[in-house]
Amino acid sequence: MGLLSVHQPVRPQWICAGCGAAWPCRTRKRQLVAEFTGARISLILHLSAYLVQACEDLPHTPSGVLHARFLAWPRSAALRNE
């Protein structure tokens, strides 16, 4: 898929190793959109695997918060234009 990004998740906190923001950070989201151009379903499946791991690591975080963090953002207008 491309070069390995420094913007990877640090578990179990799920913060970005590159910038310290909640993962996926803004930079990683942009990278993922570029890496998965034309493959939105694959991006959703990829992020779903991370969501499962985050649910295990962050059991006290509301599921809606994690859903928004991992799965809601790829539905943006940028990806709907595929």
PDB file of N, CA and C in Angstrom:
ATOM      1  N   MET A   1       0.801  -1.188   0.000  1.00  0.00           N
ATOM      2  CA  MET A   1       0.000   0.000   0.000  1.00  0.00           C
ATOM      3  C   MET A   1       0.852   1.263   0.000  1.00  0.00           C
ATOM      4  N   GLY A   2       2.058   1.277   0.171  1.00  0.00           N
ATOM      5  CA  GLY A   2       2.841   2.502   0.249  1.00  0.00           C
ATOM      6  C   GLY A   2       3.837   2.411   1.376  1.00  0.00           C
ATOM      7  N   LEU A   3       4.473   3.536   1.645  1.00  0.00           N
ATOM      8  CA  LEU A   3       5.483   3.579   2.688  1.00  0.00           C
ATOM      9  C   LEU A   3       4.837   3.558   4.066  1.00  0.00           C
ATOM     10  N   LEU A   4       5.552   3.006   5.015  1.00  0.00           N
ATOM     11  CA  LEU A   4       5.070   2.956   6.388  1.00  0.00           C
ATOM     12  C   LEU A   4       5.075   4.366   6.972  1.00  0.00           C
ATOM     13  N   SER A   5       3.957   4.756   7.531  1.00  0.00           N
ATOM     14  CA  SER A   5       3.813   6.081   8.114  1.00  0.00           C
ATOM     15  C   SER A   5       4.311   6.092   9.557  1.00  0.00           C
ATOM     16  N   VAL A   6       4.807   7.239   9.991  1.00  0.00           N
ATOM     17  CA  VAL A   6       5.156   7.403  11.406  1.00  0.00           C
ATOM     18  C   VAL A   6       3.894   7.645  12.229  1.00  0.00           C
ATOM     19  N   HIS A   7       2.795   7.888  11.561  1.00  0.00           N
ATOM     20  CA  HIS A   7       1.522   8.168  12.225  1.00  0.00           C
ATOM     21  C   HIS A   7       0.759   6.867  12.469  1.00  0.00           C
ATOM     22  N   GLN A   8       1.343   6.026  13.312  1.00  0.00           N
ATOM     23  CA  GLN A   8       0.761   4.737  13.666  1.00  0.00           C
ATOM     24  C   GLN A   8       0.197   4.804  15.088  1.00  0.00           C
ATOM     25  N   PRO A   9      -0.755   3.925  15.407  1.00  0.00           N
ATOM     26  CA  PRO A   9      -1.339   3.966  16.747  1.00  0.00           C
ATOM     27  C   PRO A   9      -0.393   3.416  17.809  1.00  0.00           C
ATOM     28  N   VAL A  10      -0.395   4.078  18.958  1.00  0.00           N
ATOM     29  CA  VAL A  10       0.299   3.581  20.144  1.00  0.00           C
ATOM     30  C   VAL A  10      -0.787   2.998  21.034  1.00  0.00           C
ATOM     31  N   ARG A  11      -0.708   1.694  21.234  1.00  0.00           N
ATOM     32  CA  ARG A  11      -1.710   1.002  22.038  1.00  0.00           C
ATOM     33  C   ARG A  11      -1.191   0.803  23.446  1.00  0.00           C
ATOM     34  N   PRO A  12      -2.038   0.773  24.432  1.00  0.00           N
ATOM     35  CA  PRO A  12      -3.499   0.709  24.380  1.00  0.00           C
ATOM     36  C   PRO A  12      -4.174   2.076  24.428  1.00  0.00           C
ATOM     37  N   GLN A  13      -3.421   3.169  24.390  1.00  0.00           N
ATOM     38  CA  GLN A  13      -4.031   4.499  24.496  1.00  0.00           C
ATOM     39  C   GLN A  13      -4.658   4.967  23.184  1.00  0.00           C
ATOM     40  N   TRP A  14      -4.204   4.418  22.074  1.00  0.00           N
ATOM     41  CA  TRP A  14      -4.673   4.803  20.746  1.00  0.00           C
ATOM     42  C   TRP A  14      -4.404   6.274  20.466  1.00  0.00           C
ATOM     43  N   ILE A  15      -3.134   6.641  20.712  1.00  0.00           N
ATOM     44  CA  ILE A  15      -2.661   7.961  20.319  1.00  0.00           C
ATOM     45  C   ILE A  15      -1.675   7.767  19.177  1.00  0.00           C
ATOM     46  N   CYS A  16      -1.448   8.811  18.423  1.00  0.00           N
ATOM     47  CA  CYS A  16      -0.566   8.743  17.265  1.00  0.00           C
ATOM     48  C   CYS A  16       0.895   8.832  17.686  1.00  0.00           C
ATOM     49  N   ALA A  17       1.695   7.911  17.189  1.00  0.00           N
ATOM     50  CA  ALA A  17       3.135   7.914  17.478  1.00  0.00           C
ATOM     51  C   ALA A  17       3.830   9.106  16.832  1.00  0.00           C
ATOM     52  N   GLY A  18       3.261   9.631  15.764  1.00  0.00           N
ATOM     53  CA  GLY A  18       3.895  10.726  15.045  1.00  0.00           C
ATOM     54  C   GLY A  18       3.600  12.110  15.605  1.00  0.00           C
ATOM     55  N   CYS A  19       2.360  12.304  16.104  1.00  0.00           N
ATOM     56  CA  CYS A  19       1.984  13.656  16.532  1.00  0.00           C
ATOM     57  C   CYS A  19       1.299  13.712  17.900  1.00  0.00           C
ATOM     58  N   GLY A  20       0.968  12.577  18.477  1.00  0.00           N
ATOM     59  CA  GLY A  20       0.362  12.545  19.801  1.00  0.00           C
ATOM     60  C   GLY A  20      -1.135  12.774  19.845  1.00  0.00           C
ATOM     61  N   ALA A  21      -1.761  12.968  18.698  1.00  0.00           N
ATOM     62  CA  ALA A  21      -3.216  13.172  18.647  1.00  0.00           C
ATOM     63  C   ALA A  21      -3.930  11.826  18.752  1.00  0.00           C
ATOM     64  N   ALA A  22      -5.227  11.880  18.962  1.00  0.00           N
ATOM     65  CA  ALA A  22      -6.025  10.649  18.949  1.00  0.00           C
ATOM     66  C   ALA A  22      -5.875   9.997  17.574  1.00  0.00           C
ATOM     67  N   TRP A  23      -5.675   8.675  17.571  1.00  0.00           N
ATOM     68  CA  TRP A  23      -5.463   7.971  16.307  1.00  0.00           C
ATOM     69  C   TRP A  23      -6.777   7.415  15.798  1.00  0.00           C
ATOM     70  N   PRO A  24      -7.083   7.484  14.506  1.00  0.00           N
ATOM     71  CA  PRO A  24      -6.242   8.039  13.450  1.00  0.00           C
ATOM     72  C   PRO A  24      -6.261   9.563  13.466  1.00  0.00           C
ATOM     73  N   CYS A  25      -5.084  10.135  13.424  1.00  0.00           N
ATOM     74  CA  CYS A  25      -4.930  11.584  13.430  1.00  0.00           C
ATOM     75  C   CYS A  25      -5.268  12.142  12.041  1.00  0.00           C
ATOM     76  N   ARG A  26      -5.314  13.443  11.961  1.00  0.00           N
ATOM     77  CA  ARG A  26      -5.643  14.089  10.681  1.00  0.00           C
ATOM     78  C   ARG A  26      -4.676  13.680   9.573  1.00  0.00           C
ATOM     79  N   THR A  27      -3.383  13.635   9.885  1.00  0.00           N
ATOM     80  CA  THR A  27      -2.388  13.253   8.878  1.00  0.00           C
ATOM     81  C   THR A  27      -2.605  11.821   8.417  1.00  0.00           C
ATOM     82  N   ARG A  28      -2.827  10.902   9.356  1.00  0.00           N
ATOM     83  CA  ARG A  28      -3.016   9.501   8.985  1.00  0.00           C
ATOM     84  C   ARG A  28      -4.293   9.315   8.173  1.00  0.00           C
ATOM     85  N   LYS A  29      -5.331  10.072   8.500  1.00  0.00           N
ATOM     86  CA  LYS A  29      -6.561   9.993   7.712  1.00  0.00           C
ATOM     87  C   LYS A  29      -6.294  10.386   6.268  1.00  0.00           C
ATOM     88  N   ARG A  30      -5.560  11.477   6.075  1.00  0.00           N
ATOM     89  CA  ARG A  30      -5.215  11.901   4.705  1.00  0.00           C
ATOM     90  C   ARG A  30      -4.401  10.820   3.999  1.00  0.00           C
ATOM     91  N   GLN A  31      -3.452  10.221   4.713  1.00  0.00           N
ATOM     92  CA  GLN A  31      -2.632   9.167   4.123  1.00  0.00           C
ATOM     93  C   GLN A  31      -3.488   7.958   3.735  1.00  0.00           C
ATOM     94  N   LEU A  32      -4.402   7.577   4.619  1.00  0.00           N
ATOM     95  CA  LEU A  32      -5.263   6.429   4.343  1.00  0.00           C
ATOM     96  C   LEU A  32      -6.160   6.690   3.136  1.00  0.00           C
ATOM     97  N   VAL A  33      -6.702   7.894   3.035  1.00  0.00           N
ATOM     98  CA  VAL A  33      -7.529   8.234   1.870  1.00  0.00           C
ATOM     99  C   VAL A  33      -6.710   8.076   0.591  1.00  0.00           C
ATOM    100  N   ALA A  34      -5.473   8.544   0.616  1.00  0.00           N
ATOM    101  CA  ALA A  34      -4.610   8.422  -0.562  1.00  0.00           C
ATOM    102  C   ALA A  34      -4.259   6.961  -0.845  1.00  0.00           C
ATOM    103  N   GLU A  35      -3.959   6.198   0.188  1.00  0.00           N
ATOM    104  CA  GLU A  35      -3.586   4.795   0.017  1.00  0.00           C
ATOM    105  C   GLU A  35      -4.739   3.952  -0.506  1.00  0.00           C
ATOM    106  N   PHE A  36      -5.956   4.280  -0.109  1.00  0.00           N
ATOM    107  CA  PHE A  36      -7.116   3.485  -0.480  1.00  0.00           C
ATOM    108  C   PHE A  36      -7.979   4.166  -1.540  1.00  0.00           C
ATOM    109  N   THR A  37      -7.384   5.029  -2.355  1.00  0.00           N
ATOM    110  CA  THR A  37      -8.130   5.688  -3.423  1.00  0.00           C
ATOM    111  C   THR A  37      -8.801   4.644  -4.302  1.00  0.00           C
ATOM    112  N   GLY A  38     -10.100   4.819  -4.498  1.00  0.00           N
ATOM    113  CA  GLY A  38     -10.846   3.880  -5.327  1.00  0.00           C
ATOM    114  C   GLY A  38     -11.217   2.589  -4.631  1.00  0.00           C
ATOM    115  N   ALA A  39     -10.946   2.496  -3.337  1.00  0.00           N
ATOM    116  CA  ALA A  39     -11.205   1.252  -2.596  1.00  0.00           C
ATOM    117  C   ALA A  39     -11.790   1.574  -1.216  1.00  0.00           C
ATOM    118  N   ARG A  40     -12.913   2.295  -1.209  1.00  0.00           N
ATOM    119  CA  ARG A  40     -13.503   2.718   0.059  1.00  0.00           C
ATOM    120  C   ARG A  40     -13.913   1.544   0.931  1.00  0.00           C
ATOM    121  N   ILE A  41     -14.451   0.487   0.339  1.00  0.00           N
ATOM    122  CA  ILE A  41     -14.850  -0.689   1.118  1.00  0.00           C
ATOM    123  C   ILE A  41     -13.628  -1.301   1.799  1.00  0.00           C
ATOM    124  N   SER A  42     -12.537  -1.385   1.098  1.00  0.00           N
ATOM    125  CA  SER A  42     -11.303  -1.921   1.689  1.00  0.00           C
ATOM    126  C   SER A  42     -10.828  -1.036   2.840  1.00  0.00           C
ATOM    127  N   LEU A  43     -10.958   0.273   2.684  1.00  0.00           N
ATOM    128  CA  LEU A  43     -10.579   1.190   3.767  1.00  0.00           C
ATOM    129  C   LEU A  43     -11.451   0.946   4.991  1.00  0.00           C
ATOM    130  N   ILE A  44     -12.756   0.791   4.788  1.00  0.00           N
ATOM    131  CA  ILE A  44     -13.667   0.548   5.905  1.00  0.00           C
ATOM    132  C   ILE A  44     -13.319  -0.772   6.596  1.00  0.00           C
ATOM    133  N   LEU A  45     -13.033  -1.802   5.835  1.00  0.00           N
ATOM    134  CA  LEU A  45     -12.654  -3.085   6.431  1.00  0.00           C
ATOM    135  C   LEU A  45     -11.347  -2.958   7.211  1.00  0.00           C
ATOM    136  N   HIS A  46     -10.396  -2.240   6.660  1.00  0.00           N
ATOM    137  CA  HIS A  46      -9.108  -2.004   7.318  1.00  0.00           C
ATOM    138  C   HIS A  46      -9.320  -1.297   8.662  1.00  0.00           C
ATOM    139  N   LEU A  47     -10.136  -0.242   8.643  1.00  0.00           N
ATOM    140  CA  LEU A  47     -10.400   0.514   9.862  1.00  0.00           C
ATOM    141  C   LEU A  47     -11.248  -0.279  10.851  1.00  0.00           C
ATOM    142  N   SER A  48     -12.097  -1.162  10.346  1.00  0.00           N
ATOM    143  CA  SER A  48     -12.920  -2.002  11.229  1.00  0.00           C
ATOM    144  C   SER A  48     -12.048  -2.901  12.099  1.00  0.00           C
ATOM    145  N   ALA A  49     -10.975  -3.399  11.538  1.00  0.00           N
ATOM    146  CA  ALA A  49     -10.054  -4.237  12.316  1.00  0.00           C
ATOM    147  C   ALA A  49      -9.426  -3.413  13.447  1.00  0.00           C
ATOM    148  N   TYR A  50      -9.068  -2.164  13.149  1.00  0.00           N
ATOM    149  CA  TYR A  50      -8.539  -1.286  14.192  1.00  0.00           C
ATOM    150  C   TYR A  50      -9.609  -0.982  15.240  1.00  0.00           C
ATOM    151  N   LEU A  51     -10.861  -0.806  14.799  1.00  0.00           N
ATOM    152  CA  LEU A  51     -11.956  -0.526  15.731  1.00  0.00           C
ATOM    153  C   LEU A  51     -12.121  -1.661  16.738  1.00  0.00           C
ATOM    154  N   VAL A  52     -12.055  -2.885  16.274  1.00  0.00           N
ATOM    155  CA  VAL A  52     -12.178  -4.035  17.177  1.00  0.00           C
ATOM    156  C   VAL A  52     -11.064  -4.001  18.225  1.00  0.00           C
ATOM    157  N   GLN A  53      -9.847  -3.740  17.794  1.00  0.00           N
ATOM    158  CA  GLN A  53      -8.721  -3.670  18.728  1.00  0.00           C
ATOM    159  C   GLN A  53      -8.901  -2.526  19.721  1.00  0.00           C
ATOM    160  N   ALA A  54      -9.371  -1.383  19.234  1.00  0.00           N
ATOM    161  CA  ALA A  54      -9.566  -0.230  20.110  1.00  0.00           C
ATOM    162  C   ALA A  54     -10.667  -0.510  21.131  1.00  0.00           C
ATOM    163  N   CYS A  55     -11.709  -1.219  20.727  1.00  0.00           N
ATOM    164  CA  CYS A  55     -12.777  -1.580  21.671  1.00  0.00           C
ATOM    165  C   CYS A  55     -12.230  -2.444  22.805  1.00  0.00           C
ATOM    166  N   GLU A  56     -11.304  -3.319  22.475  1.00  0.00           N
ATOM    167  CA  GLU A  56     -10.685  -4.164  23.500  1.00  0.00           C
ATOM    168  C   GLU A  56      -9.779  -3.340  24.419  1.00  0.00           C
ATOM    169  N   ASP A  57      -9.033  -2.404  23.841  1.00  0.00           N
ATOM    170  CA  ASP A  57      -8.091  -1.599  24.619  1.00  0.00           C
ATOM    171  C   ASP A  57      -8.762  -0.479  25.410  1.00  0.00           C
ATOM    172  N   LEU A  58      -9.901  -0.006  24.931  1.00  0.00           N
ATOM    173  CA  LEU A  58     -10.574   1.142  25.542  1.00  0.00           C
ATOM    174  C   LEU A  58     -12.004   0.769  25.934  1.00  0.00           C
ATOM    175  N   PRO A  59     -12.163  -0.200  26.838  1.00  0.00           N
ATOM    176  CA  PRO A  59     -13.502  -0.717  27.137  1.00  0.00           C
ATOM    177  C   PRO A  59     -14.449   0.303  27.766  1.00  0.00           C
ATOM    178  N   HIS A  60     -13.939   1.370  28.333  1.00  0.00           N
ATOM    179  CA  HIS A  60     -14.799   2.366  28.976  1.00  0.00           C
ATOM    180  C   HIS A  60     -15.160   3.523  28.050  1.00  0.00           C
ATOM    181  N   THR A  61     -14.655   3.488  26.825  1.00  0.00           N
ATOM    182  CA  THR A  61     -14.988   4.520  25.849  1.00  0.00           C
ATOM    183  C   THR A  61     -16.305   4.137  25.178  1.00  0.00           C
ATOM    184  N   PRO A  62     -17.268   5.050  25.130  1.00  0.00           N
ATOM    185  CA  PRO A  62     -18.548   4.729  24.498  1.00  0.00           C
ATOM    186  C   PRO A  62     -18.360   4.260  23.047  1.00  0.00           C
ATOM    187  N   SER A  63     -19.135   3.261  22.678  1.00  0.00           N
ATOM    188  CA  SER A  63     -18.995   2.688  21.339  1.00  0.00           C
ATOM    189  C   SER A  63     -19.260   3.712  20.245  1.00  0.00           C
ATOM    190  N   GLY A  64     -20.164   4.647  20.492  1.00  0.00           N
ATOM    191  CA  GLY A  64     -20.437   5.681  19.495  1.00  0.00           C
ATOM    192  C   GLY A  64     -19.237   6.574  19.243  1.00  0.00           C
ATOM    193  N   VAL A  65     -18.480   6.830  20.286  1.00  0.00           N
ATOM    194  CA  VAL A  65     -17.268   7.654  20.162  1.00  0.00           C
ATOM    195  C   VAL A  65     -16.245   6.922  19.300  1.00  0.00           C
ATOM    196  N   LEU A  66     -16.061   5.642  19.568  1.00  0.00           N
ATOM    197  CA  LEU A  66     -15.093   4.869  18.783  1.00  0.00           C
ATOM    198  C   LEU A  66     -15.567   4.698  17.339  1.00  0.00           C
ATOM    199  N   HIS A  67     -16.859   4.493  17.150  1.00  0.00           N
ATOM    200  CA  HIS A  67     -17.387   4.375  15.785  1.00  0.00           C
ATOM    201  C   HIS A  67     -17.100   5.654  15.002  1.00  0.00           C
ATOM    202  N   ALA A  68     -17.370   6.790  15.607  1.00  0.00           N
ATOM    203  CA  ALA A  68     -17.106   8.063  14.926  1.00  0.00           C
ATOM    204  C   ALA A  68     -15.620   8.221  14.619  1.00  0.00           C
ATOM    205  N   ARG A  69     -14.803   7.828  15.551  1.00  0.00           N
ATOM    206  CA  ARG A  69     -13.351   7.983  15.405  1.00  0.00           C
ATOM    207  C   ARG A  69     -12.776   7.106  14.304  1.00  0.00           C
ATOM    208  N   PHE A  70     -13.292   5.894  14.172  1.00  0.00           N
ATOM    209  CA  PHE A  70     -12.706   4.945  13.226  1.00  0.00           C
ATOM    210  C   PHE A  70     -13.495   4.777  11.933  1.00  0.00           C
ATOM    211  N   LEU A  71     -14.806   4.876  11.973  1.00  0.00           N
ATOM    212  CA  LEU A  71     -15.589   4.505  10.791  1.00  0.00           C
ATOM    213  C   LEU A  71     -16.438   5.615  10.182  1.00  0.00           C
ATOM    214  N   ALA A  72     -16.737   6.659  10.910  1.00  0.00           N
ATOM    215  CA  ALA A  72     -17.617   7.692  10.355  1.00  0.00           C
ATOM    216  C   ALA A  72     -16.899   8.622   9.378  1.00  0.00           C
ATOM    217  N   TRP A  73     -15.653   8.945   9.635  1.00  0.00           N
ATOM    218  CA  TRP A  73     -14.961   9.927   8.802  1.00  0.00           C
ATOM    219  C   TRP A  73     -14.738   9.507   7.353  1.00  0.00           C
ATOM    220  N   PRO A  74     -14.561   8.201   7.045  1.00  0.00           N
ATOM    221  CA  PRO A  74     -14.337   7.865   5.625  1.00  0.00           C
ATOM    222  C   PRO A  74     -15.554   8.118   4.738  1.00  0.00           C
ATOM    223  N   ARG A  75     -16.693   8.398   5.326  1.00  0.00           N
ATOM    224  CA  ARG A  75     -17.887   8.656   4.526  1.00  0.00           C
ATOM    225  C   ARG A  75     -17.953  10.093   4.052  1.00  0.00           C
ATOM    226  N   SER A  76     -16.866  10.792   4.199  1.00  0.00           N
ATOM    227  CA  SER A  76     -16.819  12.202   3.793  1.00  0.00           C
ATOM    228  C   SER A  76     -17.012  12.346   2.291  1.00  0.00           C
ATOM    229  N   ALA A  77     -17.293  13.536   1.884  1.00  0.00           N
ATOM    230  CA  ALA A  77     -17.529  13.807   0.468  1.00  0.00           C
ATOM    231  C   ALA A  77     -16.331  13.434  -0.402  1.00  0.00           C
ATOM    232  N   ALA A  78     -15.127  13.542   0.153  1.00  0.00           N
ATOM    233  CA  ALA A  78     -13.929  13.215  -0.626  1.00  0.00           C
ATOM    234  C   ALA A  78     -13.946  11.764  -1.067  1.00  0.00           C
ATOM    235  N   LEU A  79     -14.450  10.879  -0.229  1.00  0.00           N
ATOM    236  CA  LEU A  79     -14.465   9.464  -0.580  1.00  0.00           C
ATOM    237  C   LEU A  79     -15.708   9.073  -1.363  1.00  0.00           C
ATOM    238  N   ARG A  80     -16.791   9.822  -1.244  1.00  0.00           N
ATOM    239  CA  ARG A  80     -18.012   9.484  -1.973  1.00  0.00           C
ATOM    240  C   ARG A  80     -17.860   9.736  -3.457  1.00  0.00           C
ATOM    241  N   ASN A  81     -16.834  10.462  -3.845  1.00  0.00           N
ATOM    242  CA  ASN A  81     -16.644  10.783  -5.262  1.00  0.00           C
ATOM    243  C   ASN A  81     -15.918   9.689  -6.039  1.00  0.00           C
ATOM    244  N   GLU A  82     -15.738   8.535  -5.446  1.00  0.00           N
ATOM    245  CA  GLU A  82     -15.015   7.448  -6.138  1.00  0.00           C
ATOM    246  C   GLU A  82     -15.810   6.962  -7.333  1.00  0.00           C
TER     247      GLU A  82
END
